[in-house]
Amino acid sequence: MSGRARDTTALGAGSLVTGLLAYVFFALSTRGLGASAAAPVSVLWTYWSFAAAALTFPLQHWIARSVATHQGEGAVQRALPGVALVVALIAGLAGLVSYLAREPLFHRGDVWFPLLVGAVTLGSGLMGVVRGGLSARRHFVSVAWALVAENAARCAGALLLVLVQVRAAVGYGICLAAGSLMALLWPSATRFAAGGEPSVESPLRFLGGAAGGQLTAQVVLTGGPIVLALGGGSAAQVTALFAALALFRAPYILAIGVVSQLTGKLTALVVQGRQAALRRVRLTLIGCSGVGVVAAAGVGGLAGPWLVRLVFGADVAIGPFPAMLVAVGSALALANLVWAVMILAQDRSGAVARAWAVASVCGVAMLLLPSTEPLTRTCWAFAVAEAAAFSALLVSQVRGQQAQRRPKAPGR
């Protein structure tokens, strides 16, 4: 097996396993505590998914891009202390806000879960740095192991608590937060060599745009059940939508790990000015997206309801049309992830955030339409938001490539 095929296979397998392990941890928590007692852990688990989108993903791709752009690690080494300070401030702020809202969030008045919110934030930042260091050095098999180790440690801790019959939600919360400590298995990934070209780019500008865009994308991708519950959907509909999103999101979970390879390669194409190669990547993505959407519509509409019942049980039922919309939206989400990486390679993270802001407005507009029942309306909003993001990201990528092709004015 070639090195590239080995890396791709390892990243895909790692992403699949870590996605499964995340749900295993959640299942162990609910079985060990019961549905009601596990509620604080559920909230912390949801926060972890958002922290990973806002910190882990942007930090990983910032480091990979910075090393590829400046032919060295010096730019990262010089910027990392300031970035670490910002992550620490975010962790403190998140912990403080969750402490002030601890009763409605966690249904308890102690300080444990707000402290765990801060710990999860710091851990997400640490994981982003480790994955970024490994990706920048093209140690993609190690990236795959890092993906698996994080959630495997959480599952091992939760399984131990179940076996010894621990009934304290804090214990499971500590297991969730402690998973990020697996990053310490790769200490060299957090150490970057001095030297390289000085960077004139602001890492906080890049990270802010990437974090805003990816966090919004994550909310659009996973927030449907909450929107449906607030919009009048029944408990059964909420469960069915959660199940359909989890089922059709499987390719996206695989892609999250695999795109680790793309950032450095696409950045190199941008830096080298290889416009024809970038155009081929864009056209390939458009073509694959078209085929994927058609296939997703067919599978979702024809087999979606049956697959949901098969995987999640006979009581979980969703109609063919809502299932088709969820499948199409999930296929577009996969394409949008790649668009985002392409635009980040252009150092235009703000464009990613703006595209998702436009998509959010389109999704909200669909939610305001009163003509459909809540489940169908929510599924329409998801599909429309992903389609709007696809269009906006495509336009942004083309504009970015055109801007890089224009010659600079004399003296600039």
Protein backbone atom coordinates (compact mmCIF):
# COMPACT_ATOMS: atom_id res chain seq x y z
CA MET A 1 0.00 0.00 0.00
CA SER A 2 1.35 3.43 -0.94
CA GLY A 3 2.01 6.01 1.75
CA ARG A 4 -0.87 8.20 0.62
CA ALA A 5 -3.34 5.31 0.49
CA ARG A 6 -2.15 4.11 3.90
CA ASP A 7 -2.63 7.57 5.41
CA THR A 8 -6.09 7.98 3.89
CA THR A 9 -7.17 4.53 5.05
CA ALA A 10 -5.85 5.15 8.56
CA LEU A 11 -7.57 8.53 8.84
CA GLY A 12 -10.86 7.15 7.54
CA ALA A 13 -10.76 4.19 9.90
CA GLY A 14 -9.74 6.42 12.81
CA SER A 15 -12.61 8.82 12.16
CA LEU A 16 -15.11 5.97 11.94
CA VAL A 17 -13.92 4.31 15.13
CA THR A 18 -13.78 7.56 17.09
CA GLY A 19 -17.31 8.45 15.97
CA LEU A 20 -18.58 5.06 17.14
CA LEU A 21 -16.71 5.36 20.43
CA ALA A 22 -18.26 8.77 21.08
CA TYR A 23 -21.72 7.20 20.93
CA VAL A 24 -20.55 4.24 23.02
CA PHE A 25 -19.45 6.66 25.74
CA PHE A 26 -22.83 8.35 25.64
CA ALA A 27 -24.61 4.98 25.80
CA LEU A 28 -22.48 3.86 28.76
CA SER A 29 -23.28 7.09 30.58
CA THR A 30 -27.03 6.77 30.12
CA ARG A 31 -27.00 3.09 31.08
CA GLY A 32 -24.84 3.71 34.12
CA LEU A 33 -26.75 6.74 35.39
CA GLY A 34 -30.22 6.54 33.89
CA ALA A 35 -31.73 9.04 31.47
CA SER A 36 -32.44 11.77 34.04
CA ALA A 37 -29.19 11.55 36.01
CA ALA A 38 -27.16 11.54 32.78
CA ALA A 39 -28.56 14.92 31.68
CA PRO A 40 -25.53 16.95 32.87
CA VAL A 41 -23.21 14.58 31.00
CA SER A 42 -25.35 15.01 27.87
CA VAL A 43 -25.00 18.78 28.09
CA LEU A 44 -21.24 18.50 28.59
CA TRP A 45 -21.01 16.06 25.66
CA THR A 46 -22.87 18.52 23.45
CA TYR A 47 -20.58 21.34 24.57
CA TRP A 48 -17.57 19.17 23.73
CA SER A 49 -18.81 18.79 20.13
CA PHE A 50 -19.07 22.56 19.82
CA ALA A 51 -15.66 23.13 21.45
CA ALA A 52 -14.10 20.67 19.02
CA ALA A 53 -15.63 22.59 16.11
CA ALA A 54 -14.60 26.00 17.45
CA LEU A 55 -11.08 25.10 18.68
CA THR A 56 -9.78 21.67 17.64
CA PHE A 57 -10.59 21.97 13.93
CA PRO A 58 -9.35 25.59 13.48
CA LEU A 59 -6.14 25.03 15.46
CA GLN A 60 -5.32 21.86 13.55
CA HIS A 61 -5.76 23.49 10.17
CA TRP A 62 -4.07 26.75 11.19
CA ILE A 63 -0.92 24.88 12.19
CA ALA A 64 -0.91 22.71 9.07
CA ARG A 65 -1.44 25.74 6.84
CA SER A 66 1.13 27.90 8.62
CA VAL A 67 3.86 25.29 8.29
CA ALA A 68 3.02 24.71 4.62
CA THR A 69 3.01 28.44 3.87
CA HIS A 70 6.17 29.48 5.68
CA GLN A 71 8.25 26.36 4.98
CA GLY A 72 8.92 25.88 8.66
CA GLU A 73 7.45 25.78 12.14
CA GLY A 74 8.77 29.11 13.39
CA ALA A 75 5.55 30.99 12.64
CA VAL A 76 3.60 28.57 14.82
CA GLN A 77 6.21 28.63 17.59
CA ARG A 78 6.11 32.42 17.77
CA ALA A 79 2.31 32.68 17.72
CA LEU A 80 1.45 29.73 19.95
CA PRO A 81 1.89 31.43 23.38
CA GLY A 82 -0.61 34.13 22.41
CA VAL A 83 -3.00 31.58 21.00
CA ALA A 84 -2.72 29.48 24.18
CA LEU A 85 -3.54 32.55 26.27
CA VAL A 86 -6.68 33.19 24.21
CA VAL A 87 -7.77 29.55 24.59
CA ALA A 88 -7.25 29.83 28.36
CA LEU A 89 -9.35 33.00 28.47
CA ILE A 90 -12.11 31.29 26.47
CA ALA A 91 -12.01 28.35 28.88
CA GLY A 92 -12.33 30.68 31.85
CA LEU A 93 -15.19 32.60 30.26
CA ALA A 94 -17.03 29.39 29.27
CA GLY A 95 -16.63 28.04 32.79
CA LEU A 96 -17.89 31.28 34.33
CA VAL A 97 -20.95 31.47 32.04
CA SER A 98 -21.79 27.82 32.69
CA TYR A 99 -21.44 28.42 36.44
CA LEU A 100 -23.87 31.33 36.29
CA ALA A 101 -26.29 29.17 34.29
CA ARG A 102 -25.55 25.93 36.16
CA GLU A 103 -29.11 25.31 37.37
CA PRO A 104 -30.86 25.38 33.96
CA LEU A 105 -27.88 23.77 32.20
CA PHE A 106 -26.94 20.99 34.59
CA HIS A 107 -29.84 20.93 37.08
CA ARG A 108 -27.42 21.14 39.98
CA GLY A 109 -25.90 23.93 42.05
CA ASP A 110 -22.30 22.76 42.58
CA VAL A 111 -19.22 23.91 40.68
CA TRP A 112 -18.13 20.56 39.22
CA PHE A 113 -19.66 20.74 35.76
CA PRO A 114 -18.71 24.40 35.15
CA LEU A 115 -15.13 23.37 36.00
CA LEU A 116 -15.44 20.49 33.54
CA VAL A 117 -16.64 22.92 30.86
CA GLY A 118 -13.40 24.84 31.30
CA ALA A 119 -11.39 21.60 31.24
CA VAL A 120 -13.11 20.43 28.05
CA THR A 121 -12.31 23.77 26.42
CA LEU A 122 -8.62 23.52 27.31
CA GLY A 123 -8.54 19.89 26.19
CA SER A 124 -10.09 20.77 22.83
CA GLY A 125 -7.40 23.38 22.29
CA LEU A 126 -4.65 20.93 23.26
CA MET A 127 -6.01 18.29 20.89
CA GLY A 128 -6.09 20.83 18.07
CA VAL A 129 -2.42 21.68 18.60
CA VAL A 130 -1.39 18.01 18.71
CA ARG A 131 -3.34 17.07 15.59
CA GLY A 132 -2.03 20.18 13.84
CA GLY A 133 1.58 19.36 14.70
CA LEU A 134 1.17 15.78 13.52
CA SER A 135 -0.62 16.87 10.33
CA ALA A 136 2.01 19.50 9.53
CA ARG A 137 4.69 16.79 9.73
CA ARG A 138 2.53 14.40 7.68
CA HIS A 139 2.27 11.87 10.50
CA PHE A 140 -1.27 11.02 9.50
CA VAL A 141 -1.29 7.54 10.99
CA SER A 142 -0.51 9.18 14.33
CA VAL A 143 -3.37 11.63 13.73
CA ALA A 144 -5.66 8.62 13.30
CA TRP A 145 -4.42 7.10 16.56
CA ALA A 146 -4.93 10.42 18.34
CA LEU A 147 -8.53 10.49 17.11
CA VAL A 148 -9.18 7.00 18.45
CA ALA A 149 -7.24 7.34 21.71
CA GLU A 150 -9.28 10.35 22.89
CA ASN A 151 -12.64 8.60 22.83
CA ALA A 152 -11.23 5.16 23.68
CA ALA A 153 -9.95 6.58 26.97
CA ARG A 154 -13.38 8.06 27.69
CA CYS A 155 -15.09 4.74 27.00
CA ALA A 156 -12.61 2.83 29.14
CA GLY A 157 -13.21 5.19 32.06
CA ALA A 158 -16.99 5.07 31.64
CA LEU A 159 -16.95 1.27 31.38
CA LEU A 160 -14.97 1.05 34.61
CA LEU A 161 -17.51 3.29 36.35
CA VAL A 162 -20.35 1.10 35.10
CA LEU A 163 -18.62 -2.05 36.32
CA VAL A 164 -18.05 -0.66 39.80
CA GLN A 165 -21.59 0.80 39.77
CA VAL A 166 -20.65 4.45 40.25
CA ARG A 167 -23.83 6.54 40.15
CA ALA A 168 -22.22 10.00 40.22
CA ALA A 169 -22.60 12.03 37.02
CA VAL A 170 -19.42 13.94 37.89
CA GLY A 171 -17.38 10.75 37.39
CA TYR A 172 -18.59 10.38 33.81
CA GLY A 173 -18.00 14.08 33.22
CA ILE A 174 -14.41 13.68 34.39
CA CYS A 175 -13.98 10.77 31.97
CA LEU A 176 -15.19 12.97 29.13
CA ALA A 177 -12.85 15.84 30.01
CA ALA A 178 -9.88 13.53 30.67
CA GLY A 179 -10.04 12.02 27.18
CA SER A 180 -8.11 14.99 25.83
CA LEU A 181 -5.16 14.04 28.03
CA MET A 182 -4.38 11.37 25.45
CA ALA A 183 -2.78 14.23 23.54
CA LEU A 184 0.13 13.88 25.98
CA LEU A 185 1.05 10.61 24.25
CA TRP A 186 2.52 12.77 21.48
CA PRO A 187 4.49 15.43 23.40
CA SER A 188 6.74 16.24 20.44
CA ALA A 189 3.67 17.37 18.44
CA THR A 190 3.33 20.42 20.71
CA ARG A 191 6.98 21.49 20.25
CA PHE A 192 7.77 23.50 17.15
CA ALA A 193 11.19 24.40 15.80
CA ALA A 194 12.34 27.99 15.51
CA GLY A 195 13.16 29.59 12.18
CA GLY A 196 11.22 29.77 8.97
CA GLU A 197 9.92 32.86 7.27
CA PRO A 198 8.34 35.53 9.48
CA SER A 199 4.58 35.60 9.18
CA VAL A 200 2.66 38.80 8.54
CA GLU A 201 -0.65 36.99 9.05
CA SER A 202 -2.63 37.25 12.27
CA PRO A 203 -3.28 33.80 13.72
CA LEU A 204 -6.19 35.15 15.74
CA ARG A 205 -7.84 36.53 12.60
CA PHE A 206 -7.53 33.14 10.92
CA LEU A 207 -8.66 31.22 14.00
CA GLY A 208 -11.56 33.58 14.68
CA GLY A 209 -12.99 33.19 11.18
CA ALA A 210 -12.42 29.45 11.12
CA ALA A 211 -13.94 29.00 14.57
CA GLY A 212 -17.01 31.08 13.74
CA GLY A 213 -17.61 29.29 10.47
CA GLN A 214 -17.02 25.77 11.77
CA LEU A 215 -19.08 26.33 14.91
CA THR A 216 -22.00 27.61 12.83
CA ALA A 217 -21.62 24.64 10.50
CA GLN A 218 -21.72 22.29 13.49
CA VAL A 219 -24.85 23.96 14.88
CA VAL A 220 -26.57 23.64 11.49
CA LEU A 221 -25.48 20.01 11.19
CA THR A 222 -26.48 18.85 14.68
CA GLY A 223 -28.97 21.40 15.99
CA GLY A 224 -32.06 20.16 14.15
CA PRO A 225 -33.53 18.17 17.07
CA ILE A 226 -33.31 21.21 19.36
CA VAL A 227 -34.91 23.43 16.74
CA LEU A 228 -37.66 20.86 16.19
CA ALA A 229 -38.34 20.57 19.92
CA LEU A 230 -38.62 24.35 20.24
CA GLY A 231 -40.77 24.49 17.09
CA GLY A 232 -43.51 22.21 18.37
CA GLY A 233 -42.30 18.79 17.26
CA SER A 234 -43.34 15.77 19.27
CA ALA A 235 -40.87 13.75 21.33
CA ALA A 236 -41.08 10.93 18.79
CA GLN A 237 -40.29 13.33 15.93
CA VAL A 238 -37.31 14.76 17.81
CA THR A 239 -35.92 11.27 18.37
CA ALA A 240 -36.51 10.33 14.73
CA LEU A 241 -34.73 13.43 13.44
CA PHE A 242 -31.79 12.84 15.80
CA ALA A 243 -31.56 9.27 14.51
CA ALA A 244 -31.74 10.27 10.84
CA LEU A 245 -29.09 12.95 11.28
CA ALA A 246 -26.81 10.52 13.11
CA LEU A 247 -27.27 7.91 10.38
CA PHE A 248 -26.68 10.11 7.34
CA ARG A 249 -23.87 12.04 9.06
CA ALA A 250 -21.62 8.95 8.96
CA PRO A 251 -19.74 10.02 5.77
CA TYR A 252 -19.15 13.45 7.32
CA ILE A 253 -17.62 11.85 10.42
CA LEU A 254 -15.28 9.89 8.16
CA ALA A 255 -14.33 13.03 6.25
CA ILE A 256 -13.45 15.04 9.38
CA GLY A 257 -10.34 12.93 9.82
CA VAL A 258 -9.48 12.48 6.16
CA VAL A 259 -9.39 16.24 5.42
CA SER A 260 -6.33 16.45 7.68
CA GLN A 261 -4.36 15.58 4.55
CA LEU A 262 -5.91 18.32 2.44
CA THR A 263 -4.85 21.49 4.23
CA GLY A 264 -1.12 21.23 3.58
CA LYS A 265 -1.57 20.04 -0.01
CA LEU A 266 -4.08 22.73 -0.95
CA THR A 267 -2.00 25.42 0.77
CA ALA A 268 1.01 24.33 -1.27
CA LEU A 269 -1.03 24.67 -4.47
CA VAL A 270 -2.13 28.17 -3.42
CA VAL A 271 1.39 29.29 -2.49
CA GLN A 272 2.82 27.89 -5.72
CA GLY A 273 0.11 29.62 -7.76
CA ARG A 274 -1.02 26.40 -9.43
CA GLN A 275 -4.33 27.77 -10.62
CA ALA A 276 -5.09 24.96 -13.07
CA ALA A 277 -4.71 22.32 -10.36
CA LEU A 278 -6.95 24.28 -7.98
CA ARG A 279 -9.56 24.65 -10.71
CA ARG A 280 -9.50 20.89 -11.29
CA VAL A 281 -10.04 20.30 -7.57
CA ARG A 282 -13.00 22.70 -7.64
CA LEU A 283 -14.62 21.09 -10.68
CA THR A 284 -14.08 17.62 -9.23
CA LEU A 285 -15.75 18.64 -6.00
CA ILE A 286 -18.71 20.14 -7.87
CA GLY A 287 -19.14 16.98 -9.93
CA CYS A 288 -18.81 14.64 -6.95
CA SER A 289 -21.24 16.80 -4.98
CA GLY A 290 -23.84 16.57 -7.75
CA VAL A 291 -23.55 12.80 -7.90
CA GLY A 292 -23.59 12.58 -4.10
CA VAL A 293 -26.74 14.68 -3.76
CA VAL A 294 -28.62 12.61 -6.34
CA ALA A 295 -27.51 9.37 -4.68
CA ALA A 296 -28.39 10.70 -1.22
CA ALA A 297 -31.86 11.73 -2.40
CA GLY A 298 -32.48 8.25 -3.76
CA VAL A 299 -31.15 6.39 -0.73
CA GLY A 300 -32.82 8.76 1.73
CA GLY A 301 -36.20 8.75 0.07
CA LEU A 302 -36.38 5.06 -0.75
CA ALA A 303 -34.39 3.33 1.99
CA GLY A 304 -34.03 6.05 4.64
CA PRO A 305 -37.07 5.17 6.78
CA TRP A 306 -36.18 1.47 6.69
CA LEU A 307 -32.53 2.14 7.60
CA VAL A 308 -33.52 4.34 10.54
CA ARG A 309 -35.80 1.61 11.93
CA LEU A 310 -33.12 -1.04 11.31
CA VAL A 311 -30.39 0.84 13.18
CA PHE A 312 -32.35 2.57 15.94
CA GLY A 313 -35.36 0.31 16.47
CA ALA A 314 -38.88 -0.16 15.17
CA ASP A 315 -40.26 2.64 17.33
CA VAL A 316 -38.11 5.26 15.60
CA ALA A 317 -39.98 6.25 12.45
CA ILE A 318 -39.42 9.01 9.90
CA GLY A 319 -41.21 9.53 6.58
CA PRO A 320 -39.57 9.20 3.15
CA PHE A 321 -39.61 12.93 2.32
CA PRO A 322 -38.05 14.18 5.59
CA ALA A 323 -35.48 11.37 5.34
CA MET A 324 -34.62 12.46 1.82
CA LEU A 325 -34.12 16.07 2.95
CA VAL A 326 -31.84 14.97 5.78
CA ALA A 327 -29.81 12.78 3.43
CA VAL A 328 -29.42 15.57 0.86
CA GLY A 329 -28.44 18.08 3.53
CA SER A 330 -25.88 15.64 4.94
CA ALA A 331 -24.36 15.11 1.47
CA LEU A 332 -24.06 18.87 1.03
CA ALA A 333 -22.50 19.16 4.50
CA LEU A 334 -19.76 16.79 3.39
CA ALA A 335 -19.02 18.97 0.35
CA ASN A 336 -19.13 22.11 2.48
CA LEU A 337 -16.44 20.71 4.75
CA VAL A 338 -14.10 20.40 1.77
CA TRP A 339 -15.04 23.88 0.51
CA ALA A 340 -14.14 25.27 3.91
CA VAL A 341 -10.72 23.60 3.86
CA MET A 342 -10.08 24.98 0.35
CA ILE A 343 -10.91 28.51 1.49
CA LEU A 344 -8.84 28.16 4.66
CA ALA A 345 -5.91 27.20 2.42
CA GLN A 346 -6.34 30.63 0.79
CA ASP A 347 -6.04 32.23 4.27
CA ARG A 348 -9.59 33.58 3.99
CA SER A 349 -11.22 32.14 7.10
CA GLY A 350 -13.49 35.18 7.37
CA ALA A 351 -15.09 34.16 4.08
CA VAL A 352 -16.02 30.81 5.65
CA ALA A 353 -17.72 32.56 8.55
CA ARG A 354 -19.59 34.93 6.21
CA ALA A 355 -20.79 32.06 4.03
CA TRP A 356 -22.22 30.25 7.04
CA ALA A 357 -23.84 33.44 8.28
CA VAL A 358 -25.69 33.67 4.95
CA ALA A 359 -26.63 29.99 5.19
CA SER A 360 -27.98 30.47 8.71
CA VAL A 361 -30.21 33.31 7.57
CA CYS A 362 -31.61 31.12 4.78
CA GLY A 363 -32.27 28.28 7.21
CA VAL A 364 -34.04 30.56 9.68
CA ALA A 365 -36.17 31.95 6.86
CA MET A 366 -37.37 28.42 6.09
CA LEU A 367 -38.27 27.90 9.75
CA LEU A 368 -40.52 30.94 9.62
CA LEU A 369 -42.70 29.44 6.89
CA PRO A 370 -45.96 28.32 8.52
CA SER A 371 -47.22 26.09 5.73
CA THR A 372 -45.60 22.78 6.73
CA GLU A 373 -45.68 20.64 9.85
CA PRO A 374 -42.70 21.02 12.26
CA LEU A 375 -40.62 17.97 11.23
CA THR A 376 -40.76 18.67 7.50
CA ARG A 377 -40.14 22.38 8.06
CA THR A 378 -37.05 21.65 10.17
CA CYS A 379 -35.70 19.22 7.58
CA TRP A 380 -36.28 21.79 4.83
CA ALA A 381 -34.40 24.39 6.91
CA PHE A 382 -31.44 22.02 7.29
CA ALA A 383 -31.26 21.17 3.58
CA VAL A 384 -31.72 24.80 2.49
CA ALA A 385 -29.04 26.04 4.91
CA GLU A 386 -26.55 23.47 3.61
CA ALA A 387 -27.43 24.32 -0.02
CA ALA A 388 -26.99 28.04 0.67
CA ALA A 389 -23.65 27.35 2.35
CA PHE A 390 -22.57 25.28 -0.67
CA SER A 391 -23.32 28.17 -3.03
CA ALA A 392 -21.77 30.83 -0.80
CA LEU A 393 -18.60 28.80 -0.19
CA LEU A 394 -18.26 28.04 -3.90
CA VAL A 395 -18.51 31.73 -4.76
CA SER A 396 -16.00 32.58 -2.03
CA GLN A 397 -13.52 29.99 -3.25
CA VAL A 398 -13.73 31.25 -6.85
CA ARG A 399 -13.33 34.87 -5.77
CA GLY A 400 -10.36 33.99 -3.62
CA GLN A 401 -8.66 32.21 -6.49
CA GLN A 402 -9.36 35.11 -8.85
CA ALA A 403 -7.92 37.59 -6.34
CA GLN A 404 -4.73 35.56 -6.03
CA ARG A 405 -4.40 35.43 -9.80
CA ARG A 406 -4.47 39.22 -10.21
CA PRO A 407 -1.05 40.87 -10.32
CA LYS A 408 -0.22 43.13 -7.40
CA ALA A 409 -0.01 46.84 -7.98
CA PRO A 410 3.51 48.34 -8.14
CA GLY A 411 4.90 49.16 -4.73
CA ARG A 412 2.57 46.84 -2.90
